[in-house]
PDB file of N, CA and C in Angstrom:
ATOM      1  N   MET A   1      -2.246  -8.264  13.872  1.00  0.00           N
ATOM      2  CA  MET A   1      -1.702  -7.956  12.570  1.00  0.00           C
ATOM      3  C   MET A   1      -0.997  -9.187  11.990  1.00  0.00           C
ATOM      4  N   LYS A   2      -1.792 -10.150  11.573  1.00  0.00           N
ATOM      5  CA  LYS A   2      -1.243 -11.387  11.044  1.00  0.00           C
ATOM      6  C   LYS A   2      -0.406 -11.154   9.797  1.00  0.00           C
ATOM      7  N   TYR A   3      -0.837 -10.220   8.935  1.00  0.00           N
ATOM      8  CA  TYR A   3      -0.074  -9.971   7.718  1.00  0.00           C
ATOM      9  C   TYR A   3       1.306  -9.418   8.044  1.00  0.00           C
ATOM     10  N   GLN A   4       1.365  -8.496   8.989  1.00  0.00           N
ATOM     11  CA  GLN A   4       2.666  -7.935   9.354  1.00  0.00           C
ATOM     12  C   GLN A   4       3.603  -9.023   9.859  1.00  0.00           C
ATOM     13  N   LYS A   5       3.093  -9.935  10.677  1.00  0.00           N
ATOM     14  CA  LYS A   5       3.927 -11.026  11.187  1.00  0.00           C
ATOM     15  C   LYS A   5       4.401 -11.916  10.036  1.00  0.00           C
ATOM     16  N   ALA A   6       3.488 -12.260   9.127  1.00  0.00           N
ATOM     17  CA  ALA A   6       3.856 -13.100   7.984  1.00  0.00           C
ATOM     18  C   ALA A   6       4.877 -12.394   7.103  1.00  0.00           C
ATOM     19  N   TYR A   7       4.699 -11.090   6.877  1.00  0.00           N
ATOM     20  CA  TYR A   7       5.647 -10.313   6.062  1.00  0.00           C
ATOM     21  C   TYR A   7       7.028 -10.323   6.703  1.00  0.00           C
ATOM     22  N   ASN A   8       7.067 -10.087   8.005  1.00  0.00           N
ATOM     23  CA  ASN A   8       8.348 -10.064   8.717  1.00  0.00           C
ATOM     24  C   ASN A   8       9.050 -11.410   8.617  1.00  0.00           C
ATOM     25  N   GLU A   9       8.286 -12.495   8.751  1.00  0.00           N
ATOM     26  CA  GLU A   9       8.870 -13.835   8.665  1.00  0.00           C
ATOM     27  C   GLU A   9       9.345 -14.148   7.249  1.00  0.00           C
ATOM     28  N   ALA A  10       8.575 -13.751   6.244  1.00  0.00           N
ATOM     29  CA  ALA A  10       8.899 -14.087   4.858  1.00  0.00           C
ATOM     30  C   ALA A  10      10.065 -13.273   4.319  1.00  0.00           C
ATOM     31  N   THR A  11      10.174 -12.017   4.760  1.00  0.00           N
ATOM     32  CA  THR A  11      11.156 -11.129   4.137  1.00  0.00           C
ATOM     33  C   THR A  11      12.290 -10.720   5.061  1.00  0.00           C
ATOM     34  N   GLY A  12      12.086 -10.884   6.357  1.00  0.00           N
ATOM     35  CA  GLY A  12      13.078 -10.390   7.312  1.00  0.00           C
ATOM     36  C   GLY A  12      12.994  -8.889   7.474  1.00  0.00           C
ATOM     37  N   GLY A  13      12.032  -8.268   6.803  1.00  0.00           N
ATOM     38  CA  GLY A  13      11.851  -6.824   6.886  1.00  0.00           C
ATOM     39  C   GLY A  13      10.666  -6.460   7.747  1.00  0.00           C
ATOM     40  N   LYS A  14      10.385  -5.208   7.820  1.00  0.00           N
ATOM     41  CA  LYS A  14       9.251  -4.713   8.591  1.00  0.00           C
ATOM     42  C   LYS A  14       8.321  -3.958   7.652  1.00  0.00           C
ATOM     43  N   THR A  15       7.045  -3.994   7.984  1.00  0.00           N
ATOM     44  CA  THR A  15       6.057  -3.242   7.229  1.00  0.00           C
ATOM     45  C   THR A  15       5.160  -2.499   8.199  1.00  0.00           C
ATOM     46  N   GLU A  16       4.673  -1.368   7.779  1.00  0.00           N
ATOM     47  CA  GLU A  16       3.744  -0.580   8.574  1.00  0.00           C
ATOM     48  C   GLU A  16       2.497  -0.332   7.743  1.00  0.00           C
ATOM     49  N   PRO A  17       1.329  -0.414   8.359  1.00  0.00           N
ATOM     50  CA  PRO A  17       0.096  -0.112   7.621  1.00  0.00           C
ATOM     51  C   PRO A  17       0.121   1.308   7.081  1.00  0.00           C
ATOM     52  N   THR A  18      -0.342   1.471   5.867  1.00  0.00           N
ATOM     53  CA  THR A  18      -0.406   2.773   5.223  1.00  0.00           C
ATOM     54  C   THR A  18      -1.780   2.926   4.595  1.00  0.00           C
ATOM     55  N   LEU A  19      -2.401   4.053   4.817  1.00  0.00           N
ATOM     56  CA  LEU A  19      -3.689   4.320   4.198  1.00  0.00           C
ATOM     57  C   LEU A  19      -3.472   4.959   2.837  1.00  0.00           C
ATOM     58  N   ILE A  20      -4.103   4.388   1.818  1.00  0.00           N
ATOM     59  CA  ILE A  20      -4.016   4.939   0.469  1.00  0.00           C
ATOM     60  C   ILE A  20      -5.399   4.934  -0.149  1.00  0.00           C
ATOM     61  N   ASP A  21      -5.552   5.621  -1.241  1.00  0.00           N
ATOM     62  CA  ASP A  21      -6.827   5.703  -1.942  1.00  0.00           C
ATOM     63  C   ASP A  21      -6.948   4.520  -2.898  1.00  0.00           C
ATOM     64  N   ALA A  22      -7.188   3.348  -2.328  1.00  0.00           N
ATOM     65  CA  ALA A  22      -7.317   2.116  -3.106  1.00  0.00           C
ATOM     66  C   ALA A  22      -7.990   1.081  -2.219  1.00  0.00           C
ATOM     67  N   GLY A  23      -8.126  -0.116  -2.719  1.00  0.00           N
ATOM     68  CA  GLY A  23      -8.714  -1.173  -1.912  1.00  0.00           C
ATOM     69  C   GLY A  23     -10.223  -1.104  -1.826  1.00  0.00           C
ATOM     70  N   LEU A  24     -10.849  -0.539  -2.834  1.00  0.00           N
ATOM     71  CA  LEU A  24     -12.302  -0.401  -2.852  1.00  0.00           C
ATOM     72  C   LEU A  24     -12.999  -1.733  -2.604  1.00  0.00           C
ATOM     73  N   GLU A  25     -12.483  -2.792  -3.183  1.00  0.00           N
ATOM     74  CA  GLU A  25     -13.120  -4.097  -3.049  1.00  0.00           C
ATOM     75  C   GLU A  25     -13.217  -4.525  -1.592  1.00  0.00           C
ATOM     76  N   CYS A  26     -12.203  -4.227  -0.787  1.00  0.00           N
ATOM     77  CA  CYS A  26     -12.257  -4.588   0.635  1.00  0.00           C
ATOM     78  C   CYS A  26     -13.447  -3.926   1.306  1.00  0.00           C
ATOM     79  N   GLY A  27     -13.682  -2.672   1.013  1.00  0.00           N
ATOM     80  CA  GLY A  27     -14.814  -1.962   1.602  1.00  0.00           C
ATOM     81  C   GLY A  27     -16.143  -2.538   1.177  1.00  0.00           C
ATOM     82  N   VAL A  28     -16.264  -2.901  -0.082  1.00  0.00           N
ATOM     83  CA  VAL A  28     -17.506  -3.469  -0.594  1.00  0.00           C
ATOM     84  C   VAL A  28     -17.768  -4.829   0.056  1.00  0.00           C
ATOM     85  N   ILE A  29     -16.757  -5.684   0.083  1.00  0.00           N
ATOM     86  CA  ILE A  29     -16.930  -7.033   0.629  1.00  0.00           C
ATOM     87  C   ILE A  29     -17.217  -6.985   2.125  1.00  0.00           C
ATOM     88  N   THR A  30     -16.449  -6.205   2.877  1.00  0.00           N
ATOM     89  CA  THR A  30     -16.657  -6.174   4.327  1.00  0.00           C
ATOM     90  C   THR A  30     -17.981  -5.523   4.699  1.00  0.00           C
ATOM     91  N   SER A  31     -18.517  -4.664   3.838  1.00  0.00           N
ATOM     92  CA  SER A  31     -19.826  -4.073   4.132  1.00  0.00           C
ATOM     93  C   SER A  31     -20.943  -5.097   3.984  1.00  0.00           C
ATOM     94  N   ARG A  32     -20.680  -6.176   3.297  1.00  0.00           N
ATOM     95  CA  ARG A  32     -21.703  -7.200   3.053  1.00  0.00           C
ATOM     96  C   ARG A  32     -21.549  -8.447   3.916  1.00  0.00           C
ATOM     97  N   VAL A  33     -20.403  -8.570   4.598  1.00  0.00           N
ATOM     98  CA  VAL A  33     -20.168  -9.746   5.438  1.00  0.00           C
ATOM     99  C   VAL A  33     -19.910  -9.253   6.859  1.00  0.00           C
ATOM    100  N   GLU A  34     -20.904  -9.390   7.700  1.00  0.00           N
ATOM    101  CA  GLU A  34     -20.815  -8.885   9.061  1.00  0.00           C
ATOM    102  C   GLU A  34     -19.653  -9.520   9.819  1.00  0.00           C
ATOM    103  N   GLY A  35     -18.855  -8.676  10.474  1.00  0.00           N
ATOM    104  CA  GLY A  35     -17.748  -9.151  11.290  1.00  0.00           C
ATOM    105  C   GLY A  35     -16.466  -9.459  10.530  1.00  0.00           C
ATOM    106  N   LEU A  36     -16.491  -9.338   9.211  1.00  0.00           N
ATOM    107  CA  LEU A  36     -15.304  -9.646   8.414  1.00  0.00           C
ATOM    108  C   LEU A  36     -14.328  -8.476   8.430  1.00  0.00           C
ATOM    109  N   SER A  37     -13.069  -8.776   8.645  1.00  0.00           N
ATOM    110  CA  SER A  37     -11.992  -7.793   8.530  1.00  0.00           C
ATOM    111  C   SER A  37     -11.187  -8.133   7.293  1.00  0.00           C
ATOM    112  N   ALA A  38     -10.693  -7.129   6.597  1.00  0.00           N
ATOM    113  CA  ALA A  38      -9.918  -7.373   5.379  1.00  0.00           C
ATOM    114  C   ALA A  38      -8.846  -6.308   5.220  1.00  0.00           C
ATOM    115  N   ILE A  39      -7.781  -6.690   4.532  1.00  0.00           N
ATOM    116  CA  ILE A  39      -6.739  -5.742   4.148  1.00  0.00           C
ATOM    117  C   ILE A  39      -6.488  -5.906   2.660  1.00  0.00           C
ATOM    118  N   SER A  40      -5.958  -4.881   2.065  1.00  0.00           N
ATOM    119  CA  SER A  40      -5.569  -4.928   0.660  1.00  0.00           C
ATOM    120  C   SER A  40      -4.053  -4.797   0.603  1.00  0.00           C
ATOM    121  N   VAL A  41      -3.401  -5.749  -0.042  1.00  0.00           N
ATOM    122  CA  VAL A  41      -1.946  -5.706  -0.161  1.00  0.00           C
ATOM    123  C   VAL A  41      -1.564  -5.793  -1.626  1.00  0.00           C
ATOM    124  N   GLY A  42      -0.431  -5.240  -1.951  1.00  0.00           N
ATOM    125  CA  GLY A  42       0.019  -5.311  -3.329  1.00  0.00           C
ATOM    126  C   GLY A  42       1.421  -4.783  -3.487  1.00  0.00           C
ATOM    127  N   ALA A  43       1.896  -4.922  -4.681  1.00  0.00           N
ATOM    128  CA  ALA A  43       3.251  -4.479  -5.015  1.00  0.00           C
ATOM    129  C   ALA A  43       3.299  -2.961  -5.156  1.00  0.00           C
ATOM    130  N   ASN A  44       4.499  -2.433  -5.176  1.00  0.00           N
ATOM    131  CA  ASN A  44       4.697  -1.001  -5.410  1.00  0.00           C
ATOM    132  C   ASN A  44       4.505  -0.708  -6.895  1.00  0.00           C
ATOM    133  N   VAL A  45       3.517   0.115  -7.186  1.00  0.00           N
ATOM    134  CA  VAL A  45       3.200   0.479  -8.560  1.00  0.00           C
ATOM    135  C   VAL A  45       3.354   1.984  -8.699  1.00  0.00           C
ATOM    136  N   HIS A  46       3.913   2.409  -9.814  1.00  0.00           N
ATOM    137  CA  HIS A  46       4.123   3.837 -10.066  1.00  0.00           C
ATOM    138  C   HIS A  46       3.407   4.244 -11.352  1.00  0.00           C
ATOM    139  N   ASN A  47       2.937   5.481 -11.382  1.00  0.00           N
ATOM    140  CA  ASN A  47       2.227   6.030 -12.550  1.00  0.00           C
ATOM    141  C   ASN A  47       1.035   5.156 -12.942  1.00  0.00           C
ATOM    142  N   LEU A  48       0.290   4.754 -11.924  1.00  0.00           N
ATOM    143  CA  LEU A  48      -0.838   3.849 -12.102  1.00  0.00           C
ATOM    144  C   LEU A  48      -1.838   4.391 -13.123  1.00  0.00           C
ATOM    145  N   HIS A  49      -2.317   3.508 -13.978  1.00  0.00           N
ATOM    146  CA  HIS A  49      -3.328   3.802 -15.003  1.00  0.00           C
ATOM    147  C   HIS A  49      -2.861   4.832 -16.031  1.00  0.00           C
ATOM    148  N   THR A  50      -1.562   4.837 -16.304  1.00  0.00           N
ATOM    149  CA  THR A  50      -1.014   5.696 -17.351  1.00  0.00           C
ATOM    150  C   THR A  50      -0.156   4.827 -18.269  1.00  0.00           C
ATOM    151  N   PRO A  51       0.199   5.336 -19.440  1.00  0.00           N
ATOM    152  CA  PRO A  51       1.096   4.570 -20.316  1.00  0.00           C
ATOM    153  C   PRO A  51       2.473   4.322 -19.692  1.00  0.00           C
ATOM    154  N   GLN A  52       2.839   5.100 -18.664  1.00  0.00           N
ATOM    155  CA  GLN A  52       4.134   4.947 -18.006  1.00  0.00           C
ATOM    156  C   GLN A  52       4.063   4.062 -16.764  1.00  0.00           C
ATOM    157  N   GLU A  53       2.956   3.340 -16.579  1.00  0.00           N
ATOM    158  CA  GLU A  53       2.794   2.511 -15.391  1.00  0.00           C
ATOM    159  C   GLU A  53       3.907   1.473 -15.293  1.00  0.00           C
ATOM    160  N   THR A  54       4.472   1.355 -14.094  1.00  0.00           N
ATOM    161  CA  THR A  54       5.512   0.358 -13.833  1.00  0.00           C
ATOM    162  C   THR A  54       5.235  -0.312 -12.490  1.00  0.00           C
ATOM    163  N   ILE A  55       5.822  -1.475 -12.314  1.00  0.00           N
ATOM    164  CA  ILE A  55       5.714  -2.209 -11.060  1.00  0.00           C
ATOM    165  C   ILE A  55       7.124  -2.600 -10.622  1.00  0.00           C
ATOM    166  N   GLU A  56       7.367  -2.509  -9.333  1.00  0.00           N
ATOM    167  CA  GLU A  56       8.646  -2.949  -8.791  1.00  0.00           C
ATOM    168  C   GLU A  56       8.568  -4.468  -8.590  1.00  0.00           C
ATOM    169  N   LEU A  57       9.277  -5.202  -9.437  1.00  0.00           N
ATOM    170  CA  LEU A  57       9.184  -6.662  -9.400  1.00  0.00           C
ATOM    171  C   LEU A  57       9.631  -7.240  -8.068  1.00  0.00           C
ATOM    172  N   ASP A  58      10.631  -6.644  -7.447  1.00  0.00           N
ATOM    173  CA  ASP A  58      11.070  -7.175  -6.160  1.00  0.00           C
ATOM    174  C   ASP A  58       9.976  -7.006  -5.103  1.00  0.00           C
ATOM    175  N   SER A  59       9.159  -5.959  -5.224  1.00  0.00           N
ATOM    176  CA  SER A  59       8.065  -5.804  -4.277  1.00  0.00           C
ATOM    177  C   SER A  59       6.977  -6.851  -4.537  1.00  0.00           C
ATOM    178  N   MET A  60       6.792  -7.234  -5.789  1.00  0.00           N
ATOM    179  CA  MET A  60       5.846  -8.303  -6.105  1.00  0.00           C
ATOM    180  C   MET A  60       6.327  -9.624  -5.517  1.00  0.00           C
ATOM    181  N   ASP A  61       7.617  -9.859  -5.587  1.00  0.00           N
ATOM    182  CA  ASP A  61       8.191 -11.066  -4.972  1.00  0.00           C
ATOM    183  C   ASP A  61       7.914 -11.095  -3.473  1.00  0.00           C
ATOM    184  N   ARG A  62       8.067  -9.954  -2.789  1.00  0.00           N
ATOM    185  CA  ARG A  62       7.818  -9.895  -1.350  1.00  0.00           C
ATOM    186  C   ARG A  62       6.350 -10.193  -1.025  1.00  0.00           C
ATOM    187  N   VAL A  63       5.442  -9.643  -1.825  1.00  0.00           N
ATOM    188  CA  VAL A  63       4.016  -9.916  -1.608  1.00  0.00           C
ATOM    189  C   VAL A  63       3.751 -11.406  -1.801  1.00  0.00           C
ATOM    190  N   TYR A  64       4.252 -11.976  -2.866  1.00  0.00           N
ATOM    191  CA  TYR A  64       4.044 -13.408  -3.125  1.00  0.00           C
ATOM    192  C   TYR A  64       4.607 -14.264  -1.994  1.00  0.00           C
ATOM    193  N   ASP A  65       5.831 -13.957  -1.581  1.00  0.00           N
ATOM    194  CA  ASP A  65       6.455 -14.738  -0.513  1.00  0.00           C
ATOM    195  C   ASP A  65       5.630 -14.653   0.773  1.00  0.00           C
ATOM    196  N   THR A  66       4.996 -13.521   1.019  1.00  0.00           N
ATOM    197  CA  THR A  66       4.206 -13.340   2.223  1.00  0.00           C
ATOM    198  C   THR A  66       2.884 -14.084   2.157  1.00  0.00           C
ATOM    199  N   ILE A  67       2.146 -13.951   1.067  1.00  0.00           N
ATOM    200  CA  ILE A  67       0.813 -14.549   1.036  1.00  0.00           C
ATOM    201  C   ILE A  67       0.847 -16.061   0.818  1.00  0.00           C
ATOM    202  N   ARG A  68       1.932 -16.582   0.334  1.00  0.00           N
ATOM    203  CA  ARG A  68       1.992 -18.039   0.143  1.00  0.00           C
ATOM    204  C   ARG A  68       2.212 -18.774   1.456  1.00  0.00           C
ATOM    205  N   LEU A  69       2.579 -18.052   2.508  1.00  0.00           N
ATOM    206  CA  LEU A  69       2.742 -18.693   3.827  1.00  0.00           C
ATOM    207  C   LEU A  69       1.397 -19.179   4.249  1.00  0.00           C
TER     208      LEU A  69
END
């Protein structure tokens, strides 16, 4: 779990894998590249695809800090 290690180092926090109904692109790409593993990561978003959609900016900061490592 390289992402979990990077997240822990970047934020000092802990993360646990969570299954959600998203990340379609990961499934499409990994189905076409034999042996490839992929994860989908992102910020906390609420009311997705509605006029009330919001994003938690601090969660976006955590994602950025993690993937830039």
